[in-house]
Amino acid sequence: MSITVSGVTKYFGKQKALNNVSFDIPAGQVVGFLGPNGAGKSTMMKIITGYLPASSGSVDISGIPIDGNNLELRKKVGYLPEHNPLYQDMYIEEYLKFVAEIYKLPDNKNRIAEIIETTGLTPERHKKIGSLSKGYRQRVGLAQALLPDPEVLILDEPTTGLDPNQIVEVRNLITKLGEAKTILLSTHIMQEVQAICERVIIINNGVIVADEAASELEKGFENKLSRVFVEYDGNLAPEKINAIEGVKSVSQQNHGYLVSVKTGFDVRPSLFRLAVDNNLIILTLSVEKESLEDLFHTLTA
């Protein structure tokens, strides 16, 4: 199922949280939804799921407008909110059975067992939710979102509270789910976006500031040096490095020099010639290229 957001604006009192936001997500695409805290990500996700009305504009799921009253359509949209609301006194299986009965799922016993295994909850399945670690509570939230086998998944910070091994497991799960479902996920982890998302949408102050295929963004980074660290076997006045064309700034760091580079310049040959001219040997020369994190900072700082 596709998602179409058209001119969505949302006010909370006099505060404008979203300003004429529009984008289309075709069926079967995994999209990363990025932005700093307070940018409007969670508000947009709540509107897409029908939990929150827009002040103006519309959201369609496969051409059908979504709202709080369209229960049949909302059954096809799974949602994991940022602050995962769970009944702390219920057992995992008990809670999932409760959710399954709300959805009126047939043969819910087998479906619950399948989802518990899929989300890695098997070792904890007989525990109360309140006794679980934050990571396992996050898995329970993901399990309830997946329970009705929705065609669209809206995941707000799905790996919050997970340890590194659990993060990899959830990433692999999302990648597998993305083969058959349309997924919109928000995260602050840039490696996560690069690992599993086909496309990136960045929002800042309620406005879309970037919307591009992840592969195109990565191509743009390939030949753009951001910083170069160089260490010589002797002292060199920083002013000599600063005089190289394309250098933005130079700072001494760990017995060497951290050189910030302007976009489109490669200063490595000049750093080598500087070593030769001053009878020095280069001990270290390492490069940091621009990344999605740099782009995010540029667009939202």
Protein backbone atom coordinates (compact mmCIF):
# COMPACT_ATOMS: atom_id res chain seq x y z
CA MET A 1 0.00 0.00 0.00
CA SER A 2 1.22 3.50 -0.82
CA ILE A 3 1.21 6.60 1.41
CA THR A 4 0.34 10.02 0.01
CA VAL A 5 0.73 13.10 2.22
CA SER A 6 -0.67 16.26 0.63
CA GLY A 7 -0.18 19.73 2.07
CA VAL A 8 -0.46 18.69 5.72
CA THR A 9 -0.33 21.53 8.24
CA LYS A 10 -0.78 21.04 11.96
CA TYR A 11 -1.27 23.66 14.66
CA PHE A 12 -1.14 23.14 18.44
CA GLY A 13 -2.76 26.34 19.58
CA LYS A 14 -0.76 29.08 17.88
CA GLN A 15 2.28 26.88 17.33
CA LYS A 16 2.69 25.48 13.82
CA ALA A 17 4.17 21.98 14.14
CA LEU A 18 3.89 21.06 10.43
CA ASN A 19 3.88 23.49 7.53
CA ASN A 20 2.39 22.29 4.22
CA VAL A 21 4.16 18.91 4.23
CA SER A 22 3.81 16.71 1.13
CA PHE A 23 5.45 13.45 0.05
CA ASP A 24 4.57 10.12 -1.61
CA ILE A 25 5.83 6.70 -0.56
CA PRO A 26 5.12 3.92 -3.08
CA ALA A 27 4.16 0.43 -1.95
CA GLY A 28 7.06 -1.70 -0.74
CA GLN A 29 9.52 1.13 -0.03
CA VAL A 30 11.46 1.55 3.24
CA VAL A 31 11.87 5.25 4.02
CA GLY A 32 13.90 6.90 6.77
CA PHE A 33 12.20 9.95 8.32
CA LEU A 34 14.85 12.14 9.95
CA GLY A 35 14.87 15.37 11.86
CA PRO A 36 16.02 16.91 15.16
CA ASN A 37 13.86 16.70 18.26
CA GLY A 38 10.78 18.88 17.84
CA ALA A 39 11.00 18.91 14.04
CA GLY A 40 7.54 17.37 13.58
CA LYS A 41 8.37 13.69 12.91
CA SER A 42 6.15 12.15 15.58
CA THR A 43 3.31 14.56 14.80
CA MET A 44 3.42 13.57 11.13
CA MET A 45 3.46 9.87 12.01
CA LYS A 46 0.44 10.24 14.30
CA ILE A 47 -1.46 11.97 11.50
CA ILE A 48 -0.56 9.21 9.02
CA THR A 49 -1.86 6.56 11.43
CA GLY A 50 -5.10 8.45 12.10
CA TYR A 51 -4.37 9.05 15.78
CA LEU A 52 -4.16 12.81 15.27
CA PRO A 53 -6.13 14.99 12.81
CA ALA A 54 -4.37 17.47 10.55
CA SER A 55 -5.33 21.13 10.76
CA SER A 56 -5.35 21.14 6.94
CA GLY A 57 -4.23 18.86 4.12
CA SER A 58 -4.82 15.12 3.74
CA VAL A 59 -3.26 11.67 4.05
CA ASP A 60 -4.28 8.80 1.76
CA ILE A 61 -3.36 5.14 2.08
CA SER A 62 -3.57 3.63 -1.42
CA GLY A 63 -5.88 6.46 -2.45
CA ILE A 64 -8.23 6.11 0.54
CA PRO A 65 -8.31 9.01 3.05
CA ILE A 66 -7.32 7.90 6.52
CA ASP A 67 -9.03 9.24 9.62
CA GLY A 68 -9.89 8.12 13.12
CA ASN A 69 -13.20 6.57 12.02
CA ASN A 70 -11.90 4.39 9.18
CA LEU A 71 -11.17 1.32 11.30
CA GLU A 72 -10.82 -1.14 8.40
CA LEU A 73 -8.10 0.97 6.83
CA ARG A 74 -6.36 1.55 10.16
CA LYS A 75 -6.14 -2.23 10.64
CA LYS A 76 -3.77 -2.25 7.67
CA VAL A 77 -1.42 0.25 9.33
CA GLY A 78 0.86 -0.96 12.14
CA TYR A 79 2.22 1.71 14.47
CA LEU A 80 5.01 1.73 17.05
CA PRO A 81 4.94 5.15 18.78
CA GLU A 82 8.03 6.85 20.19
CA HIS A 83 6.81 6.46 23.78
CA ASN A 84 5.71 2.85 23.69
CA PRO A 85 2.45 2.59 25.74
CA LEU A 86 2.09 -0.84 27.35
CA TYR A 87 0.08 -2.37 30.18
CA GLN A 88 2.82 -3.03 32.73
CA ASP A 89 0.77 -5.54 34.79
CA MET A 90 -0.06 -7.79 31.84
CA TYR A 91 2.01 -10.77 30.73
CA ILE A 92 3.44 -10.65 27.19
CA GLU A 93 1.16 -13.38 25.81
CA GLU A 94 -1.80 -11.94 27.69
CA TYR A 95 -1.19 -8.48 26.22
CA LEU A 96 -0.77 -9.77 22.66
CA LYS A 97 -3.96 -11.82 23.03
CA PHE A 98 -5.73 -8.64 24.18
CA VAL A 99 -4.47 -6.80 21.08
CA ALA A 100 -5.42 -9.73 18.81
CA GLU A 101 -8.98 -9.69 20.19
CA ILE A 102 -9.26 -5.96 19.49
CA TYR A 103 -8.35 -6.70 15.87
CA LYS A 104 -10.67 -9.76 15.93
CA LEU A 105 -7.92 -11.93 14.49
CA PRO A 106 -8.91 -15.53 13.69
CA ASP A 107 -6.67 -18.27 15.07
CA ASN A 108 -4.85 -15.70 17.17
CA LYS A 109 -2.99 -18.31 19.23
CA ASN A 110 -0.83 -19.37 16.30
CA ARG A 111 -0.34 -15.78 15.16
CA ILE A 112 0.79 -14.70 18.62
CA ALA A 113 3.30 -17.58 18.79
CA GLU A 114 4.63 -16.61 15.35
CA ILE A 115 5.06 -12.93 16.29
CA ILE A 116 6.73 -13.79 19.61
CA GLU A 117 9.32 -15.83 17.73
CA THR A 118 9.73 -13.20 14.98
CA THR A 119 10.44 -10.40 17.46
CA GLY A 120 12.76 -12.47 19.67
CA LEU A 121 10.47 -12.50 22.70
CA THR A 122 10.53 -16.27 23.23
CA PRO A 123 12.91 -16.23 26.27
CA GLU A 124 10.68 -13.71 28.07
CA ARG A 125 7.25 -14.78 26.85
CA HIS A 126 5.90 -15.77 30.30
CA LYS A 127 7.01 -12.57 32.06
CA LYS A 128 5.02 -9.50 33.01
CA ILE A 129 5.72 -6.50 30.78
CA GLY A 130 6.62 -4.37 33.81
CA SER A 131 9.51 -6.70 34.66
CA LEU A 132 11.09 -6.50 31.20
CA SER A 133 14.12 -4.44 30.24
CA LYS A 134 13.54 -1.39 28.06
CA GLY A 135 14.81 -3.30 25.03
CA TYR A 136 12.34 -6.14 25.51
CA ARG A 137 9.48 -3.69 26.11
CA GLN A 138 10.38 -2.14 22.78
CA ARG A 139 10.11 -5.60 21.21
CA VAL A 140 6.65 -6.04 22.72
CA GLY A 141 5.62 -2.75 21.10
CA LEU A 142 6.97 -3.94 17.78
CA ALA A 143 5.14 -7.26 18.22
CA GLN A 144 1.76 -5.53 18.73
CA ALA A 145 2.40 -3.39 15.62
CA LEU A 146 3.11 -6.52 13.55
CA LEU A 147 0.34 -8.68 15.02
CA PRO A 148 -2.42 -7.93 12.45
CA ASP A 149 0.11 -8.35 9.60
CA PRO A 150 -0.33 -4.75 8.38
CA GLU A 151 0.64 -3.67 4.87
CA VAL A 152 2.01 -0.34 6.14
CA LEU A 153 4.34 0.05 9.15
CA ILE A 154 4.97 3.36 10.90
CA LEU A 155 7.89 2.95 13.32
CA ASP A 156 8.91 5.86 15.56
CA GLU A 157 12.41 5.17 16.95
CA PRO A 158 12.07 1.35 16.71
CA THR A 159 15.52 0.54 18.15
CA THR A 160 15.35 2.82 21.20
CA GLY A 161 16.75 1.04 24.26
CA LEU A 162 18.14 -1.95 22.38
CA ASP A 163 21.70 -3.17 22.84
CA PRO A 164 24.00 -3.40 19.76
CA ASN A 165 23.15 -7.06 19.10
CA GLN A 166 19.41 -6.40 19.41
CA ILE A 167 19.71 -3.38 17.09
CA VAL A 168 21.21 -5.60 14.38
CA GLU A 169 18.42 -8.16 14.86
CA VAL A 170 15.68 -5.51 14.57
CA ARG A 171 17.38 -3.97 11.53
CA ASN A 172 17.43 -7.36 9.84
CA LEU A 173 13.77 -7.85 10.73
CA ILE A 174 12.80 -4.46 9.27
CA THR A 175 14.79 -5.20 6.11
CA LYS A 176 12.96 -8.52 5.72
CA LEU A 177 9.57 -6.89 6.39
CA GLY A 178 10.38 -4.23 3.81
CA GLU A 179 10.31 -6.86 1.07
CA ALA A 180 6.51 -7.00 1.37
CA LYS A 181 5.47 -3.90 3.34
CA THR A 182 5.65 -0.12 3.06
CA ILE A 183 7.69 1.19 6.00
CA LEU A 184 8.24 4.70 7.32
CA LEU A 185 10.65 4.83 10.26
CA SER A 186 12.15 7.65 12.24
CA THR A 187 15.53 7.38 13.91
CA HIS A 188 18.50 9.44 15.08
CA ILE A 189 20.94 6.67 14.17
CA MET A 190 22.45 7.51 10.77
CA GLN A 191 24.01 4.06 10.32
CA GLU A 192 20.52 2.61 10.68
CA VAL A 193 19.22 4.72 7.81
CA GLN A 194 22.14 3.81 5.57
CA ALA A 195 21.76 0.11 6.44
CA ILE A 196 18.04 -0.38 5.77
CA CYS A 197 16.43 2.62 4.03
CA GLU A 198 15.98 3.05 0.30
CA ARG A 199 15.07 6.72 0.66
CA VAL A 200 15.60 9.55 3.15
CA ILE A 201 13.20 12.36 4.05
CA ILE A 202 14.56 15.07 6.37
CA ILE A 203 12.22 17.46 8.18
CA ASN A 204 13.19 20.57 10.13
CA ASN A 205 10.90 23.05 11.87
CA GLY A 206 7.87 21.37 10.31
CA VAL A 207 9.16 21.67 6.73
CA ILE A 208 10.66 19.01 4.42
CA VAL A 209 14.25 20.09 3.68
CA ALA A 210 15.43 16.97 1.79
CA ASP A 211 13.80 14.01 0.04
CA GLU A 212 16.08 11.77 -1.97
CA ALA A 213 16.99 8.15 -2.64
CA ALA A 214 19.61 6.95 -0.14
CA SER A 215 21.81 5.69 -2.99
CA GLU A 216 21.87 9.16 -4.57
CA LEU A 217 22.84 10.75 -1.28
CA GLU A 218 25.68 8.26 -0.85
CA LYS A 219 26.95 8.96 -4.39
CA GLY A 220 27.14 12.62 -3.49
CA PHE A 221 29.42 11.79 -0.55
CA GLU A 222 31.85 9.54 -2.42
CA ASN A 223 34.23 12.23 -3.69
CA LYS A 224 33.70 14.91 -1.06
CA LEU A 225 36.44 15.14 1.53
CA SER A 226 35.31 16.65 4.80
CA ARG A 227 38.40 16.42 7.03
CA VAL A 228 41.98 15.21 6.67
CA PHE A 229 44.29 14.33 9.56
CA VAL A 230 48.00 14.57 8.78
CA GLU A 231 50.99 13.89 11.03
CA TYR A 232 54.59 14.74 10.05
CA ASP A 233 57.81 13.60 11.69
CA GLY A 234 58.59 17.20 12.67
CA ASN A 235 56.92 20.51 13.46
CA LEU A 236 55.26 22.60 10.79
CA ALA A 237 53.65 26.01 11.16
CA PRO A 238 49.83 25.59 10.81
CA GLU A 239 49.82 28.74 8.66
CA LYS A 240 51.57 26.83 5.88
CA ILE A 241 48.77 24.25 5.78
CA ASN A 242 46.13 26.97 6.05
CA ALA A 243 47.58 28.61 2.93
CA ILE A 244 46.74 25.53 0.79
CA GLU A 245 43.86 26.16 -1.62
CA GLY A 246 40.68 24.44 -0.42
CA VAL A 247 41.58 24.44 3.29
CA LYS A 248 38.88 25.93 5.55
CA SER A 249 40.69 25.63 8.87
CA VAL A 250 43.54 23.85 10.64
CA SER A 251 43.81 22.74 14.26
CA GLN A 252 46.62 20.86 16.00
CA GLN A 253 45.46 17.52 17.38
CA ASN A 254 47.26 14.43 18.73
CA HIS A 255 50.72 15.42 17.44
CA GLY A 256 49.25 16.20 14.03
CA TYR A 257 46.92 18.57 12.19
CA LEU A 258 43.19 18.22 11.59
CA VAL A 259 42.41 19.95 8.31
CA SER A 260 38.84 20.93 7.41
CA VAL A 261 38.37 20.91 3.63
CA LYS A 262 36.05 22.92 1.41
CA THR A 263 33.62 20.94 -0.75
CA GLY A 264 35.13 19.91 -4.09
CA PHE A 265 38.80 20.10 -3.04
CA ASP A 266 41.33 17.31 -2.45
CA VAL A 267 44.22 18.71 -0.41
CA ARG A 268 46.20 15.48 -0.06
CA PRO A 269 48.64 16.18 -2.96
CA SER A 270 49.36 19.64 -1.51
CA LEU A 271 49.99 18.15 1.95
CA PHE A 272 52.47 15.73 0.37
CA ARG A 273 54.28 18.54 -1.52
CA LEU A 274 54.42 20.54 1.72
CA ALA A 275 56.22 17.60 3.36
CA VAL A 276 58.75 17.42 0.53
CA ASP A 277 59.38 21.18 0.54
CA ASN A 278 60.05 21.13 4.29
CA ASN A 279 62.10 17.89 4.36
CA LEU A 280 59.45 16.12 6.42
CA ILE A 281 58.02 12.61 6.28
CA ILE A 282 54.28 11.96 6.50
CA LEU A 283 53.65 9.50 9.35
CA THR A 284 49.84 9.52 9.12
CA LEU A 285 47.36 10.67 6.51
CA SER A 286 43.73 9.73 7.09
CA VAL A 287 40.56 11.00 5.47
CA GLU A 288 37.00 11.55 6.66
CA LYS A 289 34.47 11.91 3.85
CA GLU A 290 31.17 13.73 4.11
CA SER A 291 28.39 11.55 5.46
CA LEU A 292 24.65 11.51 5.96
CA GLU A 293 25.34 12.89 9.45
CA ASP A 294 27.13 15.90 7.89
CA LEU A 295 24.17 16.50 5.56
CA PHE A 296 21.75 16.21 8.45
CA HIS A 297 23.74 18.76 10.44
CA THR A 298 23.93 21.14 7.48
CA LEU A 299 20.20 21.02 6.83
CA THR A 300 18.99 21.17 10.42
CA ALA A 301 21.61 23.09 12.42
